[in-house]
Amino acid sequence: MSGLWSYAALPPDDLRALAARLDGLGTLERVLAWGAGQHPPRPIAGVVTQDEFTHDVLLPIEPPLWLVFDVT
């Protein structure tokens, strides 16, 4: 679960299950494909540019939860 943080106080089992679903989504391309493939689709709600190579990508999941990916 390296790099996964929960500010929503998810129970440990839920956090582990979420981490397993998100494993390998280290690029913007992969995050976009993952979001589009969800049922219902999870559109990108915003992208915050950190520098020329790094972006934070925000996706709403189940209210009030959001995912924030640090992608390159």
PDB file of N, CA and C in Angstrom:
ATOM      1  N   MET A   1       0.819  -1.196   0.000  1.00  0.00           N
ATOM      2  CA  MET A   1       0.000   0.000   0.000  1.00  0.00           C
ATOM      3  C   MET A   1       0.858   1.252   0.000  1.00  0.00           C
ATOM      4  N   SER A   2       2.036   1.141  -0.466  1.00  0.00           N
ATOM      5  CA  SER A   2       2.949   2.272  -0.505  1.00  0.00           C
ATOM      6  C   SER A   2       2.350   3.420  -1.307  1.00  0.00           C
ATOM      7  N   GLY A   3       2.386   4.613  -0.752  1.00  0.00           N
ATOM      8  CA  GLY A   3       1.900   5.786  -1.444  1.00  0.00           C
ATOM      9  C   GLY A   3       0.403   6.015  -1.321  1.00  0.00           C
ATOM     10  N   LEU A   4      -0.319   5.135  -0.669  1.00  0.00           N
ATOM     11  CA  LEU A   4      -1.762   5.306  -0.519  1.00  0.00           C
ATOM     12  C   LEU A   4      -2.053   5.920   0.842  1.00  0.00           C
ATOM     13  N   TRP A   5      -2.754   7.035   0.824  1.00  0.00           N
ATOM     14  CA  TRP A   5      -3.125   7.736   2.054  1.00  0.00           C
ATOM     15  C   TRP A   5      -4.629   7.827   2.117  1.00  0.00           C
ATOM     16  N   SER A   6      -5.172   7.715   3.302  1.00  0.00           N
ATOM     17  CA  SER A   6      -6.604   7.881   3.480  1.00  0.00           C
ATOM     18  C   SER A   6      -6.861   8.948   4.527  1.00  0.00           C
ATOM     19  N   TYR A   7      -7.442  10.044   4.071  1.00  0.00           N
ATOM     20  CA  TYR A   7      -7.862  11.086   4.996  1.00  0.00           C
ATOM     21  C   TYR A   7      -9.326  10.909   5.356  1.00  0.00           C
ATOM     22  N   ALA A   8      -9.950   9.844   4.825  1.00  0.00           N
ATOM     23  CA  ALA A   8     -11.366   9.590   5.056  1.00  0.00           C
ATOM     24  C   ALA A   8     -11.592   8.590   6.173  1.00  0.00           C
ATOM     25  N   ALA A   9     -10.535   8.174   6.832  1.00  0.00           N
ATOM     26  CA  ALA A   9     -10.632   7.203   7.926  1.00  0.00           C
ATOM     27  C   ALA A   9     -11.331   5.917   7.472  1.00  0.00           C
ATOM     28  N   LEU A  10     -10.934   5.436   6.284  1.00  0.00           N
ATOM     29  CA  LEU A  10     -11.494   4.171   5.800  1.00  0.00           C
ATOM     30  C   LEU A  10     -11.038   3.034   6.701  1.00  0.00           C
ATOM     31  N   PRO A  11     -11.895   2.051   6.928  1.00  0.00           N
ATOM     32  CA  PRO A  11     -11.461   0.876   7.673  1.00  0.00           C
ATOM     33  C   PRO A  11     -10.300   0.204   6.937  1.00  0.00           C
ATOM     34  N   PRO A  12      -9.362  -0.388   7.670  1.00  0.00           N
ATOM     35  CA  PRO A  12      -8.181  -0.983   7.038  1.00  0.00           C
ATOM     36  C   PRO A  12      -8.502  -1.966   5.912  1.00  0.00           C
ATOM     37  N   ASP A  13      -9.525  -2.797   6.059  1.00  0.00           N
ATOM     38  CA  ASP A  13      -9.875  -3.750   4.994  1.00  0.00           C
ATOM     39  C   ASP A  13     -10.351  -3.030   3.734  1.00  0.00           C
ATOM     40  N   ASP A  14     -11.120  -1.967   3.902  1.00  0.00           N
ATOM     41  CA  ASP A  14     -11.584  -1.191   2.749  1.00  0.00           C
ATOM     42  C   ASP A  14     -10.418  -0.495   2.061  1.00  0.00           C
ATOM     43  N   LEU A  15      -9.488   0.016   2.850  1.00  0.00           N
ATOM     44  CA  LEU A  15      -8.321   0.683   2.286  1.00  0.00           C
ATOM     45  C   LEU A  15      -7.458  -0.305   1.501  1.00  0.00           C
ATOM     46  N   ARG A  16      -7.274  -1.512   2.029  1.00  0.00           N
ATOM     47  CA  ARG A  16      -6.503  -2.535   1.313  1.00  0.00           C
ATOM     48  C   ARG A  16      -7.193  -2.937   0.008  1.00  0.00           C
ATOM     49  N   ALA A  17      -8.507  -3.081   0.041  1.00  0.00           N
ATOM     50  CA  ALA A  17      -9.255  -3.444  -1.168  1.00  0.00           C
ATOM     51  C   ALA A  17      -9.138  -2.343  -2.221  1.00  0.00           C
ATOM     52  N   LEU A  18      -9.221  -1.098  -1.792  1.00  0.00           N
ATOM     53  CA  LEU A  18      -9.075   0.022  -2.714  1.00  0.00           C
ATOM     54  C   LEU A  18      -7.664   0.052  -3.287  1.00  0.00           C
ATOM     55  N   ALA A  19      -6.665  -0.168  -2.455  1.00  0.00           N
ATOM     56  CA  ALA A  19      -5.275  -0.183  -2.920  1.00  0.00           C
ATOM     57  C   ALA A  19      -5.065  -1.256  -3.978  1.00  0.00           C
ATOM     58  N   ALA A  20      -5.684  -2.411  -3.797  1.00  0.00           N
ATOM     59  CA  ALA A  20      -5.550  -3.492  -4.783  1.00  0.00           C
ATOM     60  C   ALA A  20      -6.169  -3.088  -6.119  1.00  0.00           C
ATOM     61  N   ARG A  21      -7.292  -2.380  -6.082  1.00  0.00           N
ATOM     62  CA  ARG A  21      -7.945  -1.921  -7.322  1.00  0.00           C
ATOM     63  C   ARG A  21      -7.129  -0.871  -8.050  1.00  0.00           C
ATOM     64  N   LEU A  22      -6.342  -0.091  -7.304  1.00  0.00           N
ATOM     65  CA  LEU A  22      -5.612   1.026  -7.887  1.00  0.00           C
ATOM     66  C   LEU A  22      -4.160   0.698  -8.220  1.00  0.00           C
ATOM     67  N   ASP A  23      -3.732  -0.501  -7.906  1.00  0.00           N
ATOM     68  CA  ASP A  23      -2.344  -0.887  -8.121  1.00  0.00           C
ATOM     69  C   ASP A  23      -1.963  -0.728  -9.595  1.00  0.00           C
ATOM     70  N   GLY A  24      -0.845  -0.071  -9.844  1.00  0.00           N
ATOM     71  CA  GLY A  24      -0.336   0.075 -11.199  1.00  0.00           C
ATOM     72  C   GLY A  24      -0.810   1.306 -11.947  1.00  0.00           C
ATOM     73  N   LEU A  25      -1.540   2.195 -11.294  1.00  0.00           N
ATOM     74  CA  LEU A  25      -2.041   3.389 -11.980  1.00  0.00           C
ATOM     75  C   LEU A  25      -1.093   4.568 -11.784  1.00  0.00           C
ATOM     76  N   GLY A  26       0.147   4.431 -12.208  1.00  0.00           N
ATOM     77  CA  GLY A  26       1.158   5.455 -11.970  1.00  0.00           C
ATOM     78  C   GLY A  26       1.299   6.508 -13.048  1.00  0.00           C
ATOM     79  N   THR A  27       0.550   6.385 -14.149  1.00  0.00           N
ATOM     80  CA  THR A  27       0.635   7.394 -15.203  1.00  0.00           C
ATOM     81  C   THR A  27      -0.742   7.983 -15.461  1.00  0.00           C
ATOM     82  N   LEU A  28      -0.747   9.168 -16.030  1.00  0.00           N
ATOM     83  CA  LEU A  28      -2.012   9.829 -16.354  1.00  0.00           C
ATOM     84  C   LEU A  28      -2.818   8.978 -17.340  1.00  0.00           C
ATOM     85  N   GLU A  29      -2.169   8.376 -18.299  1.00  0.00           N
ATOM     86  CA  GLU A  29      -2.853   7.525 -19.274  1.00  0.00           C
ATOM     87  C   GLU A  29      -3.592   6.375 -18.583  1.00  0.00           C
ATOM     88  N   ARG A  30      -2.942   5.746 -17.623  1.00  0.00           N
ATOM     89  CA  ARG A  30      -3.562   4.636 -16.912  1.00  0.00           C
ATOM     90  C   ARG A  30      -4.720   5.088 -16.025  1.00  0.00           C
ATOM     91  N   VAL A  31      -4.572   6.237 -15.386  1.00  0.00           N
ATOM     92  CA  VAL A  31      -5.653   6.766 -14.546  1.00  0.00           C
ATOM     93  C   VAL A  31      -6.874   7.093 -15.404  1.00  0.00           C
ATOM     94  N   LEU A  32      -6.656   7.721 -16.568  1.00  0.00           N
ATOM     95  CA  LEU A  32      -7.766   8.048 -17.465  1.00  0.00           C
ATOM     96  C   LEU A  32      -8.481   6.786 -17.940  1.00  0.00           C
ATOM     97  N   ALA A  33      -7.716   5.771 -18.327  1.00  0.00           N
ATOM     98  CA  ALA A  33      -8.314   4.517 -18.793  1.00  0.00           C
ATOM     99  C   ALA A  33      -9.079   3.830 -17.673  1.00  0.00           C
ATOM    100  N   TRP A  34      -8.514   3.832 -16.473  1.00  0.00           N
ATOM    101  CA  TRP A  34      -9.184   3.207 -15.330  1.00  0.00           C
ATOM    102  C   TRP A  34     -10.509   3.912 -15.039  1.00  0.00           C
ATOM    103  N   GLY A  35     -10.480   5.237 -14.972  1.00  0.00           N
ATOM    104  CA  GLY A  35     -11.691   5.999 -14.680  1.00  0.00           C
ATOM    105  C   GLY A  35     -12.777   5.766 -15.720  1.00  0.00           C
ATOM    106  N   ALA A  36     -12.396   5.728 -16.987  1.00  0.00           N
ATOM    107  CA  ALA A  36     -13.364   5.516 -18.068  1.00  0.00           C
ATOM    108  C   ALA A  36     -13.951   4.110 -18.026  1.00  0.00           C
ATOM    109  N   GLY A  37     -13.191   3.154 -17.501  1.00  0.00           N
ATOM    110  CA  GLY A  37     -13.647   1.778 -17.472  1.00  0.00           C
ATOM    111  C   GLY A  37     -14.470   1.394 -16.256  1.00  0.00           C
ATOM    112  N   GLN A  38     -14.674   2.325 -15.338  1.00  0.00           N
ATOM    113  CA  GLN A  38     -15.465   2.031 -14.140  1.00  0.00           C
ATOM    114  C   GLN A  38     -16.948   2.107 -14.452  1.00  0.00           C
ATOM    115  N   HIS A  39     -17.765   1.463 -13.623  1.00  0.00           N
ATOM    116  CA  HIS A  39     -19.220   1.482 -13.798  1.00  0.00           C
ATOM    117  C   HIS A  39     -19.863   2.028 -12.551  1.00  0.00           C
ATOM    118  N   PRO A  40     -20.353   3.267 -12.549  1.00  0.00           N
ATOM    119  CA  PRO A  40     -20.347   4.195 -13.669  1.00  0.00           C
ATOM    120  C   PRO A  40     -18.946   4.767 -13.891  1.00  0.00           C
ATOM    121  N   PRO A  41     -18.709   5.340 -15.079  1.00  0.00           N
ATOM    122  CA  PRO A  41     -17.384   5.932 -15.349  1.00  0.00           C
ATOM    123  C   PRO A  41     -17.046   7.012 -14.331  1.00  0.00           C
ATOM    124  N   ARG A  42     -15.775   7.111 -14.016  1.00  0.00           N
ATOM    125  CA  ARG A  42     -15.278   8.123 -13.075  1.00  0.00           C
ATOM    126  C   ARG A  42     -14.505   9.177 -13.860  1.00  0.00           C
ATOM    127  N   PRO A  43     -15.163  10.280 -14.192  1.00  0.00           N
ATOM    128  CA  PRO A  43     -14.487  11.307 -14.993  1.00  0.00           C
ATOM    129  C   PRO A  43     -13.454  12.064 -14.157  1.00  0.00           C
ATOM    130  N   ILE A  44     -12.466  12.575 -14.831  1.00  0.00           N
ATOM    131  CA  ILE A  44     -11.471  13.428 -14.179  1.00  0.00           C
ATOM    132  C   ILE A  44     -12.170  14.737 -13.809  1.00  0.00           C
ATOM    133  N   ALA A  45     -12.113  15.101 -12.548  1.00  0.00           N
ATOM    134  CA  ALA A  45     -12.751  16.338 -12.093  1.00  0.00           C
ATOM    135  C   ALA A  45     -11.783  17.511 -12.127  1.00  0.00           C
ATOM    136  N   GLY A  46     -10.492  17.211 -12.126  1.00  0.00           N
ATOM    137  CA  GLY A  46      -9.504  18.274 -12.169  1.00  0.00           C
ATOM    138  C   GLY A  46      -8.105  17.722 -12.232  1.00  0.00           C
ATOM    139  N   VAL A  47      -7.206  18.548 -12.767  1.00  0.00           N
ATOM    140  CA  VAL A  47      -5.786  18.212 -12.829  1.00  0.00           C
ATOM    141  C   VAL A  47      -5.025  19.426 -12.315  1.00  0.00           C
ATOM    142  N   VAL A  48      -4.157  19.197 -11.356  1.00  0.00           N
ATOM    143  CA  VAL A  48      -3.332  20.267 -10.799  1.00  0.00           C
ATOM    144  C   VAL A  48      -1.895  19.991 -11.218  1.00  0.00           C
ATOM    145  N   THR A  49      -1.316  20.900 -11.995  1.00  0.00           N
ATOM    146  CA  THR A  49       0.056  20.736 -12.454  1.00  0.00           C
ATOM    147  C   THR A  49       1.011  21.104 -11.329  1.00  0.00           C
ATOM    148  N   GLN A  50       1.903  20.168 -10.991  1.00  0.00           N
ATOM    149  CA  GLN A  50       2.902  20.409  -9.950  1.00  0.00           C
ATOM    150  C   GLN A  50       4.201  20.927 -10.559  1.00  0.00           C
ATOM    151  N   ASP A  51       4.618  20.338 -11.664  1.00  0.00           N
ATOM    152  CA  ASP A  51       5.774  20.786 -12.428  1.00  0.00           C
ATOM    153  C   ASP A  51       5.598  20.254 -13.844  1.00  0.00           C
ATOM    154  N   GLU A  52       6.624  20.328 -14.674  1.00  0.00           N
ATOM    155  CA  GLU A  52       6.445  19.920 -16.065  1.00  0.00           C
ATOM    156  C   GLU A  52       6.197  18.425 -16.237  1.00  0.00           C
ATOM    157  N   PHE A  53       6.479  17.614 -15.230  1.00  0.00           N
ATOM    158  CA  PHE A  53       6.319  16.172 -15.336  1.00  0.00           C
ATOM    159  C   PHE A  53       5.272  15.577 -14.393  1.00  0.00           C
ATOM    160  N   THR A  54       4.902  16.278 -13.354  1.00  0.00           N
ATOM    161  CA  THR A  54       4.058  15.724 -12.301  1.00  0.00           C
ATOM    162  C   THR A  54       2.738  16.478 -12.202  1.00  0.00           C
ATOM    163  N   HIS A  55       1.655  15.699 -12.082  1.00  0.00           N
ATOM    164  CA  HIS A  55       0.316  16.268 -11.962  1.00  0.00           C
ATOM    165  C   HIS A  55      -0.449  15.531 -10.866  1.00  0.00           C
ATOM    166  N   ASP A  56      -1.357  16.223 -10.206  1.00  0.00           N
ATOM    167  CA  ASP A  56      -2.311  15.598  -9.299  1.00  0.00           C
ATOM    168  C   ASP A  56      -3.633  15.515 -10.056  1.00  0.00           C
ATOM    169  N   VAL A  57      -4.182  14.314 -10.135  1.00  0.00           N
ATOM    170  CA  VAL A  57      -5.425  14.075 -10.866  1.00  0.00           C
ATOM    171  C   VAL A  57      -6.510  13.729  -9.857  1.00  0.00           C
ATOM    172  N   LEU A  58      -7.627  14.453  -9.920  1.00  0.00           N
ATOM    173  CA  LEU A  58      -8.715  14.287  -8.963  1.00  0.00           C
ATOM    174  C   LEU A  58      -9.903  13.589  -9.615  1.00  0.00           C
ATOM    175  N   LEU A  59     -10.344  12.500  -8.975  1.00  0.00           N
ATOM    176  CA  LEU A  59     -11.510  11.753  -9.440  1.00  0.00           C
ATOM    177  C   LEU A  59     -12.463  11.558  -8.277  1.00  0.00           C
ATOM    178  N   PRO A  60     -13.738  11.904  -8.470  1.00  0.00           N
ATOM    179  CA  PRO A  60     -14.715  11.578  -7.431  1.00  0.00           C
ATOM    180  C   PRO A  60     -15.009  10.084  -7.497  1.00  0.00           C
ATOM    181  N   ILE A  61     -15.131   9.442  -6.335  1.00  0.00           N
ATOM    182  CA  ILE A  61     -15.589   8.053  -6.349  1.00  0.00           C
ATOM    183  C   ILE A  61     -16.948   8.051  -5.670  1.00  0.00           C
ATOM    184  N   GLU A  62     -17.126   7.344  -4.614  1.00  0.00           N
ATOM    185  CA  GLU A  62     -18.432   7.325  -3.976  1.00  0.00           C
ATOM    186  C   GLU A  62     -18.513   8.455  -2.964  1.00  0.00           C
ATOM    187  N   PRO A  63     -19.515   9.352  -3.130  1.00  0.00           N
ATOM    188  CA  PRO A  63     -19.596  10.525  -2.251  1.00  0.00           C
ATOM    189  C   PRO A  63     -19.534  10.136  -0.784  1.00  0.00           C
ATOM    190  N   PRO A  64     -18.784  10.850  -0.020  1.00  0.00           N
ATOM    191  CA  PRO A  64     -18.035  12.060  -0.339  1.00  0.00           C
ATOM    192  C   PRO A  64     -16.560  11.779  -0.655  1.00  0.00           C
ATOM    193  N   LEU A  65     -16.226  10.576  -1.079  1.00  0.00           N
ATOM    194  CA  LEU A  65     -14.827  10.201  -1.279  1.00  0.00           C
ATOM    195  C   LEU A  65     -14.295  10.634  -2.644  1.00  0.00           C
ATOM    196  N   TRP A  66     -13.027  11.054  -2.634  1.00  0.00           N
ATOM    197  CA  TRP A  66     -12.302  11.429  -3.846  1.00  0.00           C
ATOM    198  C   TRP A  66     -10.998  10.680  -3.873  1.00  0.00           C
ATOM    199  N   LEU A  67     -10.517  10.412  -5.083  1.00  0.00           N
ATOM    200  CA  LEU A  67      -9.165   9.890  -5.266  1.00  0.00           C
ATOM    201  C   LEU A  67      -8.311  11.003  -5.822  1.00  0.00           C
ATOM    202  N   VAL A  68      -7.096  11.110  -5.313  1.00  0.00           N
ATOM    203  CA  VAL A  68      -6.134  12.065  -5.848  1.00  0.00           C
ATOM    204  C   VAL A  68      -4.890  11.275  -6.207  1.00  0.00           C
ATOM    205  N   PHE A  69      -4.569  11.260  -7.507  1.00  0.00           N
ATOM    206  CA  PHE A  69      -3.413  10.533  -7.998  1.00  0.00           C
ATOM    207  C   PHE A  69      -2.283  11.511  -8.265  1.00  0.00           C
ATOM    208  N   ASP A  70      -1.104  11.171  -7.827  1.00  0.00           N
ATOM    209  CA  ASP A  70       0.117  11.905  -8.156  1.00  0.00           C
ATOM    210  C   ASP A  70       0.740  11.150  -9.315  1.00  0.00           C
ATOM    211  N   VAL A  71       0.578  11.659 -10.541  1.00  0.00           N
ATOM    212  CA  VAL A  71       1.024  10.933 -11.730  1.00  0.00           C
ATOM    213  C   VAL A  71       2.112  11.687 -12.470  1.00  0.00           C
ATOM    214  N   THR A  72       2.838  10.928 -13.261  1.00  0.00           N
ATOM    215  CA  THR A  72       3.896  11.521 -14.092  1.00  0.00           C
ATOM    216  C   THR A  72       3.600  11.261 -15.548  1.00  0.00           C
TER     217      THR A  72
END
